[in-house]
C-alpha atoms as a PDB file:
ATOM      1  CA  MET A   1      68.229  78.147 167.431  1.00  0.00           C
ATOM      2  CA  ASN A   2      66.760  79.043 164.053  1.00  0.00           C
ATOM      3  CA  SER A   3      63.367  80.766 164.017  1.00  0.00           C
ATOM      4  CA  THR A   4      60.220  78.623 162.741  1.00  0.00           C
ATOM      5  CA  VAL A   5      58.383  79.969 159.862  1.00  0.00           C
ATOM      6  CA  VAL A   6      54.990  78.977 158.778  1.00  0.00           C
ATOM      7  CA  ILE A   7      54.191  79.967 155.097  1.00  0.00           C
ATOM      8  CA  LEU A   8      50.561  80.143 154.159  1.00  0.00           C
ATOM      9  CA  ILE A   9      49.415  79.706 150.801  1.00  0.00           C
ATOM     10  CA  LEU A  10      45.715  79.850 149.373  1.00  0.00           C
ATOM     11  CA  ASN A  11      44.758  77.709 146.174  1.00  0.00           C
ATOM     12  CA  TRP A  12      41.674  77.866 144.338  1.00  0.00           C
ATOM     13  CA  ASN A  13      41.246  76.176 140.907  1.00  0.00           C
ATOM     14  CA  ASN A  14      44.772  77.055 139.938  1.00  0.00           C
ATOM     15  CA  PHE A  15      47.466  74.408 140.001  1.00  0.00           C
ATOM     16  CA  ALA A  16      49.870  76.097 137.683  1.00  0.00           C
ATOM     17  CA  ASP A  17      50.346  78.890 139.647  1.00  0.00           C
ATOM     18  CA  THR A  18      50.286  77.515 143.100  1.00  0.00           C
ATOM     19  CA  TYR A  19      52.909  74.517 141.827  1.00  0.00           C
ATOM     20  CA  LYS A  20      55.434  77.172 140.819  1.00  0.00           C
ATOM     21  CA  CYS A  21      54.817  79.075 144.138  1.00  0.00           C
ATOM     22  CA  ILE A  22      55.557  75.881 146.079  1.00  0.00           C
ATOM     23  CA  ARG A  23      58.392  75.188 144.009  1.00  0.00           C
ATOM     24  CA  SER A  24      60.262  78.337 144.492  1.00  0.00           C
ATOM     25  CA  ILE A  25      59.434  78.044 148.217  1.00  0.00           C
ATOM     26  CA  LEU A  26      60.786  74.501 148.551  1.00  0.00           C
ATOM     27  CA  ASP A  27      64.265  76.260 146.924  1.00  0.00           C
ATOM     28  CA  LEU A  28      64.444  78.826 149.676  1.00  0.00           C
ATOM     29  CA  ASP A  29      67.916  79.046 151.171  1.00  0.00           C
ATOM     30  CA  TYR A  30      66.035  78.935 154.565  1.00  0.00           C
ATOM     31  CA  ARG A  31      65.023  75.548 155.617  1.00  0.00           C
ATOM     32  CA  ASN A  32      63.397  75.875 159.175  1.00  0.00           C
ATOM     33  CA  ARG A  33      59.682  76.584 157.540  1.00  0.00           C
ATOM     34  CA  THR A  34      56.441  74.721 156.991  1.00  0.00           C
ATOM     35  CA  ILE A  35      54.542  75.355 153.888  1.00  0.00           C
ATOM     36  CA  VAL A  36      50.651  75.103 154.595  1.00  0.00           C
ATOM     37  CA  ILE A  37      48.382  74.815 151.387  1.00  0.00           C
ATOM     38  CA  ILE A  38      44.974  75.781 152.072  1.00  0.00           C
ATOM     39  CA  ASP A  39      42.556  74.641 149.141  1.00  0.00           C
ATOM     40  CA  ASN A  40      39.450  76.826 149.177  1.00  0.00           C
ATOM     41  CA  GLY A  41      37.015  74.267 147.832  1.00  0.00           C
ATOM     42  CA  SER A  42      38.705  73.682 144.230  1.00  0.00           C
ATOM     43  CA  THR A  43      36.589  72.047 141.766  1.00  0.00           C
ATOM     44  CA  ASP A  44      39.160  71.559 139.122  1.00  0.00           C
ATOM     45  CA  GLY A  45      41.037  68.651 140.880  1.00  0.00           C
ATOM     46  CA  SER A  46      43.922  70.855 141.355  1.00  0.00           C
ATOM     47  CA  LEU A  47      44.015  69.939 145.207  1.00  0.00           C
ATOM     48  CA  LYS A  48      44.622  66.270 144.338  1.00  0.00           C
ATOM     49  CA  GLN A  49      47.326  67.134 141.597  1.00  0.00           C
ATOM     50  CA  LEU A  50      49.258  69.420 144.194  1.00  0.00           C
ATOM     51  CA  GLN A  51      49.076  66.462 146.905  1.00  0.00           C
ATOM     52  CA  GLU A  52      50.745  64.235 144.136  1.00  0.00           C
ATOM     53  CA  ALA A  53      53.124  66.516 142.881  1.00  0.00           C
ATOM     54  CA  PHE A  54      54.370  67.357 146.538  1.00  0.00           C
ATOM     55  CA  ALA A  55      53.689  64.051 148.057  1.00  0.00           C
ATOM     56  CA  HIS A  56      56.997  63.617 150.059  1.00  0.00           C
ATOM     57  CA  THR A  57      58.183  67.203 150.603  1.00  0.00           C
ATOM     58  CA  GLY A  58      56.512  67.868 153.948  1.00  0.00           C
ATOM     59  CA  VAL A  59      53.862  70.357 152.513  1.00  0.00           C
ATOM     60  CA  VAL A  60      50.879  70.453 154.745  1.00  0.00           C
ATOM     61  CA  PHE A  61      47.472  70.347 152.856  1.00  0.00           C
ATOM     62  CA  LEU A  62      44.164  71.624 154.368  1.00  0.00           C
ATOM     63  CA  ASN A  63      40.854  71.548 152.625  1.00  0.00           C
ATOM     64  CA  SER A  64      38.525  74.553 153.706  1.00  0.00           C
ATOM     65  CA  GLY A  65      35.701  72.686 152.200  1.00  0.00           C
ATOM     66  CA  SER A  66      34.112  75.536 150.184  1.00  0.00           C
ATOM     67  CA  ASN A  67      35.225  78.737 148.605  1.00  0.00           C
ATOM     68  CA  LEU A  68      35.689  81.165 151.800  1.00  0.00           C
ATOM     69  CA  GLY A  69      37.202  83.931 150.082  1.00  0.00           C
ATOM     70  CA  TYR A  70      40.841  84.910 150.654  1.00  0.00           C
ATOM     71  CA  ALA A  71      40.217  86.232 154.470  1.00  0.00           C
ATOM     72  CA  GLY A  72      38.228  82.928 155.239  1.00  0.00           C
ATOM     73  CA  GLY A  73      40.939  80.480 153.422  1.00  0.00           C
ATOM     74  CA  MET A  74      43.683  82.255 155.212  1.00  0.00           C
ATOM     75  CA  ASN A  75      41.887  82.022 158.567  1.00  0.00           C
ATOM     76  CA  VAL A  76      41.519  78.523 158.117  1.00  0.00           C
ATOM     77  CA  GLY A  77      45.272  78.316 157.903  1.00  0.00           C
ATOM     78  CA  ILE A  78      46.049  80.828 160.267  1.00  0.00           C
ATOM     79  CA  ASN A  79      43.905  78.897 162.971  1.00  0.00           C
ATOM     80  CA  TYR A  80      45.784  75.371 161.914  1.00  0.00           C
ATOM     81  CA  ALA A  81      49.216  76.937 162.418  1.00  0.00           C
ATOM     82  CA  LEU A  82      48.023  78.625 165.935  1.00  0.00           C
ATOM     83  CA  ARG A  83      46.884  75.208 167.093  1.00  0.00           C
ATOM     84  CA  LYS A  84      49.468  72.666 165.376  1.00  0.00           C
ATOM     85  CA  ILE A  85      52.598  74.461 164.710  1.00  0.00           C
ATOM     86  CA  PRO A  86      54.941  76.283 167.273  1.00  0.00           C
ATOM     87  CA  PHE A  87      56.156  79.242 164.836  1.00  0.00           C
ATOM     88  CA  ASP A  88      58.057  82.409 165.675  1.00  0.00           C
ATOM     89  CA  PHE A  89      56.951  84.118 162.033  1.00  0.00           C
ATOM     90  CA  ILE A  90      54.325  83.786 159.293  1.00  0.00           C
ATOM     91  CA  TRP A  91      54.488  84.439 155.830  1.00  0.00           C
ATOM     92  CA  LEU A  92      51.149  85.052 153.931  1.00  0.00           C
ATOM     93  CA  LEU A  93      51.736  84.639 150.029  1.00  0.00           C
ATOM     94  CA  ASN A  94      49.267  84.824 147.181  1.00  0.00           C
ATOM     95  CA  ASN A  95      49.567  81.895 145.146  1.00  0.00           C
ATOM     96  CA  ASP A  96      50.562  83.643 142.096  1.00  0.00           C
ATOM     97  CA  ILE A  97      53.912  84.397 143.743  1.00  0.00           C
ATOM     98  CA  GLU A  98      57.191  83.193 143.206  1.00  0.00           C
ATOM     99  CA  VAL A  99      60.096  83.995 145.794  1.00  0.00           C
ATOM    100  CA  LYS A 100      63.872  84.490 145.434  1.00  0.00           C
ATOM    101  CA  HIS A 101      66.031  82.023 147.211  1.00  0.00           C
ATOM    102  CA  ASP A 102      67.213  84.447 149.826  1.00  0.00           C
ATOM    103  CA  SER A 103      64.210  86.472 150.462  1.00  0.00           C
ATOM    104  CA  LEU A 104      63.188  84.779 153.716  1.00  0.00           C
ATOM    105  CA  ASP A 105      66.638  84.978 155.177  1.00  0.00           C
ATOM    106  CA  ILE A 106      66.420  88.878 154.298  1.00  0.00           C
ATOM    107  CA  LEU A 107      63.162  89.353 156.023  1.00  0.00           C
ATOM    108  CA  LEU A 108      63.884  87.348 159.170  1.00  0.00           C
ATOM    109  CA  ALA A 109      67.036  89.435 159.554  1.00  0.00           C
ATOM    110  CA  ALA A 110      65.506  92.782 158.849  1.00  0.00           C
ATOM    111  CA  LEU A 111      62.728  92.066 161.596  1.00  0.00           C
ATOM    112  CA  LYS A 112      65.215  90.748 163.943  1.00  0.00           C
ATOM    113  CA  GLU A 113      67.397  93.906 163.626  1.00  0.00           C
ATOM    114  CA  ASN A 114      64.003  95.944 164.065  1.00  0.00           C
ATOM    115  CA  PRO A 115      62.519  94.181 167.270  1.00  0.00           C
ATOM    116  CA  ASP A 116      59.925  96.922 167.860  1.00  0.00           C
ATOM    117  CA  ILE A 117      58.473  96.168 164.384  1.00  0.00           C
ATOM    118  CA  ASP A 118      56.046  93.243 163.674  1.00  0.00           C
ATOM    119  CA  ILE A 119      54.986  93.519 159.935  1.00  0.00           C
ATOM    120  CA  ALA A 120      57.274  93.664 156.990  1.00  0.00           C
ATOM    121  CA  GLY A 121      56.950  93.431 153.278  1.00  0.00           C
ATOM    122  CA  PRO A 122      59.397  92.578 150.304  1.00  0.00           C
ATOM    123  CA  THR A 123      59.958  94.162 147.020  1.00  0.00           C
ATOM    124  CA  LEU A 124      57.141  92.767 144.648  1.00  0.00           C
ATOM    125  CA  LEU A 125      58.313  92.569 140.914  1.00  0.00           C
ATOM    126  CA  LEU A 126      56.161  92.023 138.006  1.00  0.00           C
ATOM    127  CA  SER A 127      56.406  88.248 137.148  1.00  0.00           C
ATOM    128  CA  GLY A 128      59.154  87.507 134.513  1.00  0.00           C
ATOM    129  CA  THR A 129      60.475  91.152 134.822  1.00  0.00           C
ATOM    130  CA  ASP A 130      62.735  93.198 137.033  1.00  0.00           C
ATOM    131  CA  ARG A 131      59.966  95.977 137.054  1.00  0.00           C
ATOM    132  CA  ILE A 132      58.884  97.132 140.562  1.00  0.00           C
ATOM    133  CA  MET A 133      55.183  96.320 140.895  1.00  0.00           C
ATOM    134  CA  GLU A 134      54.759  97.344 144.327  1.00  0.00           C
ATOM    135  CA  GLN A 135      56.621  98.368 147.628  1.00  0.00           C
ATOM    136  CA  TYR A 136      54.147  99.792 149.807  1.00  0.00           C
ATOM    137  CA  TYR A 137      50.793 101.747 149.278  1.00  0.00           C
ATOM    138  CA  THR A 138      48.651 104.536 150.981  1.00  0.00           C
ATOM    139  CA  LEU A 139      45.128 105.525 150.869  1.00  0.00           C
ATOM    140  CA  ASN A 140      44.469 108.812 149.509  1.00  0.00           C
ATOM    141  CA  LEU A 141      41.291 109.825 150.789  1.00  0.00           C
ATOM    142  CA  TRP A 142      40.953 113.038 148.580  1.00  0.00           C
ATOM    143  CA  ARG A 143      41.360 110.715 145.493  1.00  0.00           C
ATOM    144  CA  GLY A 144      39.283 108.187 146.733  1.00  0.00           C
ATOM    145  CA  ARG A 145      41.824 105.212 145.866  1.00  0.00           C
ATOM    146  CA  TYR A 146      45.080 103.376 147.200  1.00  0.00           C
ATOM    147  CA  LEU A 147      48.354 104.741 145.611  1.00  0.00           C
ATOM    148  CA  ILE A 148      51.092 102.288 145.111  1.00  0.00           C
ATOM    149  CA  HIS A 149      54.524 103.402 145.802  1.00  0.00           C
ATOM    150  CA  THR A 150      57.653 102.393 143.837  1.00  0.00           C
ATOM    151  CA  HIS A 151      59.970 105.056 144.878  1.00  0.00           C
ATOM    152  CA  LEU A 152      62.176 103.617 147.510  1.00  0.00           C
ATOM    153  CA  ASN A 153      65.692 102.232 146.995  1.00  0.00           C
ATOM    154  CA  ARG A 154      65.182  98.523 146.592  1.00  0.00           C
ATOM    155  CA  ASN A 155      68.588  97.884 148.079  1.00  0.00           C
ATOM    156  CA  HIS A 156      67.641  99.592 151.458  1.00  0.00           C
ATOM    157  CA  ILE A 157      65.440  98.811 154.265  1.00  0.00           C
ATOM    158  CA  ALA A 158      62.737 101.509 155.337  1.00  0.00           C
ATOM    159  CA  ARG A 159      60.374 101.953 158.072  1.00  0.00           C
ATOM    160  CA  ILE A 160      57.137 103.036 156.922  1.00  0.00           C
ATOM    161  CA  SER A 161      54.753 104.760 159.391  1.00  0.00           C
ATOM    162  CA  SER A 162      51.137 103.536 159.712  1.00  0.00           C
ATOM    163  CA  ARG A 163      49.802 106.768 160.945  1.00  0.00           C
ATOM    164  CA  ASN A 164      49.837 108.194 157.113  1.00  0.00           C
ATOM    165  CA  ASN A 165      47.295 105.538 156.128  1.00  0.00           C
ATOM    166  CA  THR A 166      49.756 103.050 154.655  1.00  0.00           C
ATOM    167  CA  TYR A 167      49.865  99.255 154.345  1.00  0.00           C
ATOM    168  CA  ILE A 168      52.137  96.428 153.509  1.00  0.00           C
ATOM    169  CA  GLY A 169      50.534  94.717 150.237  1.00  0.00           C
ATOM    170  CA  GLY A 170      48.805  91.619 151.340  1.00  0.00           C
ATOM    171  CA  ALA A 171      49.999  89.398 148.404  1.00  0.00           C
ATOM    172  CA  ALA A 172      53.430  88.865 150.560  1.00  0.00           C
ATOM    173  CA  VAL A 173      52.940  90.261 153.944  1.00  0.00           C
ATOM    174  CA  PHE A 174      55.399  88.793 156.619  1.00  0.00           C
ATOM    175  CA  MET A 175      55.013  89.192 160.214  1.00  0.00           C
ATOM    176  CA  ARG A 176      55.801  87.984 163.834  1.00  0.00           C
ATOM    177  CA  CYS A 177      53.769  85.385 165.500  1.00  0.00           C
ATOM    178  CA  ARG A 178      52.854  88.091 168.210  1.00  0.00           C
ATOM    179  CA  ALA A 179      51.233  90.244 165.639  1.00  0.00           C
ATOM    180  CA  LEU A 180      48.432  88.007 165.527  1.00  0.00           C
ATOM    181  CA  ASP A 181      47.550  88.637 169.046  1.00  0.00           C
ATOM    182  CA  ASN A 182      46.998  92.325 168.022  1.00  0.00           C
ATOM    183  CA  LEU A 183      45.490  91.538 164.710  1.00  0.00           C
ATOM    184  CA  GLY A 184      43.074  88.639 165.434  1.00  0.00           C
ATOM    185  CA  LEU A 185      42.098  86.820 161.989  1.00  0.00           C
ATOM    186  CA  ILE A 186      41.569  88.541 158.842  1.00  0.00           C
ATOM    187  CA  PRO A 187      37.981  90.078 158.479  1.00  0.00           C
ATOM    188  CA  GLU A 188      36.073  87.780 156.665  1.00  0.00           C
ATOM    189  CA  GLU A 189      33.169  90.030 155.740  1.00  0.00           C
ATOM    190  CA  TYR A 190      35.068  91.354 153.051  1.00  0.00           C
ATOM    191  CA  PHE A 191      35.741  88.052 151.222  1.00  0.00           C
ATOM    192  CA  LEU A 192      38.065  89.563 148.667  1.00  0.00           C
ATOM    193  CA  TYR A 193      39.819  92.795 148.228  1.00  0.00           C
ATOM    194  CA  ASN A 194      40.395  95.340 151.002  1.00  0.00           C
ATOM    195  CA  GLU A 195      40.598  92.766 153.835  1.00  0.00           C
ATOM    196  CA  ASP A 196      44.498  93.336 154.092  1.00  0.00           C
ATOM    197  CA  VAL A 197      44.057  96.890 154.821  1.00  0.00           C
ATOM    198  CA  ALA A 198      41.137  96.508 157.286  1.00  0.00           C
ATOM    199  CA  TRP A 199      43.216  93.807 158.775  1.00  0.00           C
ATOM    200  CA  GLN A 200      46.407  96.122 159.142  1.00  0.00           C
ATOM    201  CA  SER A 201      44.069  99.066 160.256  1.00  0.00           C
ATOM    202  CA  SER A 202      43.027  96.819 163.253  1.00  0.00           C
ATOM    203  CA  TYR A 203      46.329  96.865 164.733  1.00  0.00           C
ATOM    204  CA  LYS A 204      46.198  98.775 167.903  1.00  0.00           C
ATOM    205  CA  GLY A 205      48.517 101.696 168.823  1.00  0.00           C
ATOM    206  CA  ASP A 206      51.161 103.750 166.867  1.00  0.00           C
ATOM    207  CA  HIS A 207      53.516 101.216 164.964  1.00  0.00           C
ATOM    208  CA  ASP A 208      55.810 101.312 161.882  1.00  0.00           C
ATOM    209  CA  PHE A 209      55.786  98.768 159.084  1.00  0.00           C
ATOM    210  CA  LEU A 210      59.041  97.488 157.536  1.00  0.00           C
ATOM    211  CA  TYR A 211      59.643  97.743 153.802  1.00  0.00           C
ATOM    212  CA  VAL A 212      62.831  95.345 153.006  1.00  0.00           C
ATOM    213  CA  GLY A 213      63.976  96.132 149.787  1.00  0.00           C
ATOM    214  CA  PRO A 214      66.450  93.348 149.255  1.00  0.00           C
ATOM    215  CA  ALA A 215      63.947  90.641 149.831  1.00  0.00           C
ATOM    216  CA  ILE A 216      62.434  89.890 146.245  1.00  0.00           C
ATOM    217  CA  VAL A 217      59.217  88.201 145.115  1.00  0.00           C
ATOM    218  CA  TRP A 218      57.586  88.043 141.772  1.00  0.00           C
ATOM    219  CA  HIS A 219      53.812  88.577 141.373  1.00  0.00           C
ATOM    220  CA  LYS A 220      51.454  87.878 138.564  1.00  0.00           C
ATOM    221  CA  ARG A 221      49.055  90.646 138.273  1.00  0.00           C
ATOM    222  CA  SER A 222      45.644  89.798 139.359  1.00  0.00           C
ATOM    223  CA  ALA A 223      46.156  86.115 138.870  1.00  0.00           C
ATOM    224  CA  SER A 224      44.808  85.095 142.074  1.00  0.00           C
ATOM    225  CA  SER A 225      41.545  86.614 141.540  1.00  0.00           C
ATOM    226  CA  GLY A 226      40.959  85.382 138.072  1.00  0.00           C
ATOM    227  CA  GLY A 227      43.229  87.593 136.107  1.00  0.00           C
ATOM    228  CA  VAL A 228      42.790  91.141 135.028  1.00  0.00           C
ATOM    229  CA  LYS A 229      39.783  90.677 132.708  1.00  0.00           C
ATOM    230  CA  THR A 230      37.557  88.971 135.319  1.00  0.00           C
ATOM    231  CA  VAL A 231      34.451  91.176 136.545  1.00  0.00           C
ATOM    232  CA  MET A 232      34.680  90.023 140.118  1.00  0.00           C
ATOM    233  CA  PRO A 233      37.451  92.439 141.380  1.00  0.00           C
ATOM    234  CA  ASP A 234      35.201  95.279 140.131  1.00  0.00           C
ATOM    235  CA  TYR A 235      32.449  93.953 142.364  1.00  0.00           C
ATOM    236  CA  TYR A 236      34.245  93.417 145.479  1.00  0.00           C
ATOM    237  CA  ASP A 237      36.548  96.321 145.182  1.00  0.00           C
ATOM    238  CA  SER A 238      33.615  98.704 144.731  1.00  0.00           C
ATOM    239  CA  ARG A 239      31.556  97.215 147.506  1.00  0.00           C
ATOM    240  CA  ASN A 240      34.303  96.785 149.893  1.00  0.00           C
ATOM    241  CA  PHE A 241      35.974 100.255 149.383  1.00  0.00           C
ATOM    242  CA  LEU A 242      32.907 101.812 150.637  1.00  0.00           C
ATOM    243  CA  TYR A 243      32.481  99.175 153.382  1.00  0.00           C
ATOM    244  CA  PHE A 244      36.037 100.165 154.676  1.00  0.00           C
ATOM    245  CA  MET A 245      35.104 103.954 154.603  1.00  0.00           C
ATOM    246  CA  ARG A 246      32.161 103.405 156.473  1.00  0.00           C
ATOM    247  CA  LYS A 247      33.920 101.320 159.206  1.00  0.00           C
ATOM    248  CA  GLU A 248      37.306 103.431 159.355  1.00  0.00           C
ATOM    249  CA  PHE A 249      36.400 107.176 157.951  1.00  0.00           C
ATOM    250  CA  PRO A 250      32.520 107.274 158.374  1.00  0.00           C
ATOM    251  CA  LEU A 251      32.603 111.124 157.730  1.00  0.00           C
ATOM    252  CA  TRP A 252      34.146 110.654 154.247  1.00  0.00           C
ATOM    253  CA  LEU A 253      31.501 108.245 152.984  1.00  0.00           C
ATOM    254  CA  PRO A 254      29.508 110.496 151.082  1.00  0.00           C
ATOM    255  CA  TYR A 255      32.610 112.037 149.488  1.00  0.00           C
ATOM    256  CA  GLU A 256      33.925 108.771 148.692  1.00  0.00           C
ATOM    257  CA  PHE A 257      30.716 107.636 147.070  1.00  0.00           C
ATOM    258  CA  ILE A 258      30.757 110.304 144.814  1.00  0.00           C
ATOM    259  CA  VAL A 259      34.735 109.912 144.173  1.00  0.00           C
ATOM    260  CA  SER A 260      33.768 105.846 143.553  1.00  0.00           C
ATOM    261  CA  ILE A 261      31.484 107.004 140.831  1.00  0.00           C
ATOM    262  CA  ILE A 262      34.184 109.175 139.179  1.00  0.00           C
ATOM    263  CA  ASN A 263      36.748 106.439 139.585  1.00  0.00           C
ATOM    264  CA  LYS A 264      35.077 103.096 139.003  1.00  0.00           C
ATOM    265  CA  VAL A 265      31.827 104.060 136.765  1.00  0.00           C
ATOM    266  CA  LEU A 266      32.696 106.733 134.277  1.00  0.00           C
ATOM    267  CA  PRO A 267      35.833 104.940 133.105  1.00  0.00           C
ATOM    268  CA  LYS A 268      33.841 102.035 132.202  1.00  0.00           C
ATOM    269  CA  VAL A 269      31.030 104.000 130.541  1.00  0.00           C
ATOM    270  CA  VAL A 270      33.710 105.734 128.228  1.00  0.00           C
ATOM    271  CA  ARG A 271      35.269 102.263 127.244  1.00  0.00           C
ATOM    272  CA  ARG A 272      31.869 100.891 126.798  1.00  0.00           C
ATOM    273  CA  GLU A 273      32.884  97.955 129.439  1.00  0.00           C
ATOM    274  CA  TRP A 274      29.406  97.158 130.207  1.00  0.00           C
ATOM    275  CA  LYS A 275      29.939  93.834 131.761  1.00  0.00           C
ATOM    276  CA  ARG A 276      32.379  95.328 134.227  1.00  0.00           C
ATOM    277  CA  LEU A 277      30.032  98.429 135.000  1.00  0.00           C
ATOM    278  CA  GLN A 278      27.484  96.020 135.916  1.00  0.00           C
ATOM    279  CA  TYR A 279      29.384  94.496 138.578  1.00  0.00           C
ATOM    280  CA  VAL A 280      30.739  97.802 139.721  1.00  0.00           C
ATOM    281  CA  LEU A 281      26.895  98.599 140.219  1.00  0.00           C
ATOM    282  CA  TYR A 282      26.227  95.516 141.823  1.00  0.00           C
ATOM    283  CA  GLY A 283      28.809  96.494 144.420  1.00  0.00           C
ATOM    284  CA  PHE A 284      27.368  99.800 145.261  1.00  0.00           C
ATOM    285  CA  ARG A 285      23.980  97.885 145.511  1.00  0.00           C
ATOM    286  CA  ASP A 286      24.897  95.319 147.871  1.00  0.00           C
ATOM    287  CA  PHE A 287      26.867  98.119 150.146  1.00  0.00           C
ATOM    288  CA  PHE A 288      23.817  99.819 150.584  1.00  0.00           C
ATOM    289  CA  ARG A 289      21.976  96.688 151.403  1.00  0.00           C
ATOM    290  CA  GLY A 290      24.499  95.795 153.937  1.00  0.00           C
ATOM    291  CA  LYS A 291      25.470  92.860 152.037  1.00  0.00           C
ATOM    292  CA  THR A 292      28.924  91.266 152.993  1.00  0.00           C
ATOM    293  CA  GLY A 293      30.792  87.901 152.174  1.00  0.00           C
ATOM    294  CA  LYS A 294      30.479  86.257 148.965  1.00  0.00           C
ATOM    295  CA  PHE A 295      28.842  87.618 145.787  1.00  0.00           C
ATOM    296  CA  GLU A 296      25.473  86.214 145.102  1.00  0.00           C
ATOM    297  CA  PRO A 297      23.653  87.319 142.047  1.00  0.00           C
END
């Protein structure tokens, strides 16, 4: 019997990208899947537009009622799937992802051939191109940043050890249902950014991730968080990186704060990006205040 897959996508005021994402999933070769769209309190009418566009396709629509952030919105979908849909695998996708028609078949086959691994990720290509955007990434404590890796052969499948502060990108993470027993829900205090590394860091015991090179998806850079020019990533990244350091690497925190100033403040001063700098400083302020969750001016 074919394995059942639940595919979760979060929409927030973005009909165009979410539409393309769903359309690409409906064109997947693998058919034993349920698409669940969680609308995160959209105010632009995109939920109604999507419901009308996919009225007779079997797509499930949920309404979170308000903007719960990436973690909170996805958790609405995870909880729904656990209650309502018997499934073997779950695929969490950003709404600015488009998937290649055979990507799900390839991911399923890869995990079935590696029964000791629960979490896998495809090759992320930059939208509209054949350029690798991401394969996996690592946290470099000395540099105070995440390093994106693109050096692996995209035609191969590789085991990636989590012991080296290594993670599968949260934009298209694929996992067995049983992984949720270990991971639990996505930590909602992050709201947006760094929640994927915090979630994967909660996985207990030594384990490997699987990079599945032949599985291809296309990703628009930062579209799901408002685009590359929005200031909100500056806020959440500056605050949540320090929050993650305090939880997972507390002895590194003083050093990481200094490195964050170098990485996040100085470039914006040099480029005279005063609005972005303001939100970085808001992030630092709220970290020291112990403020988590959604940004409030």
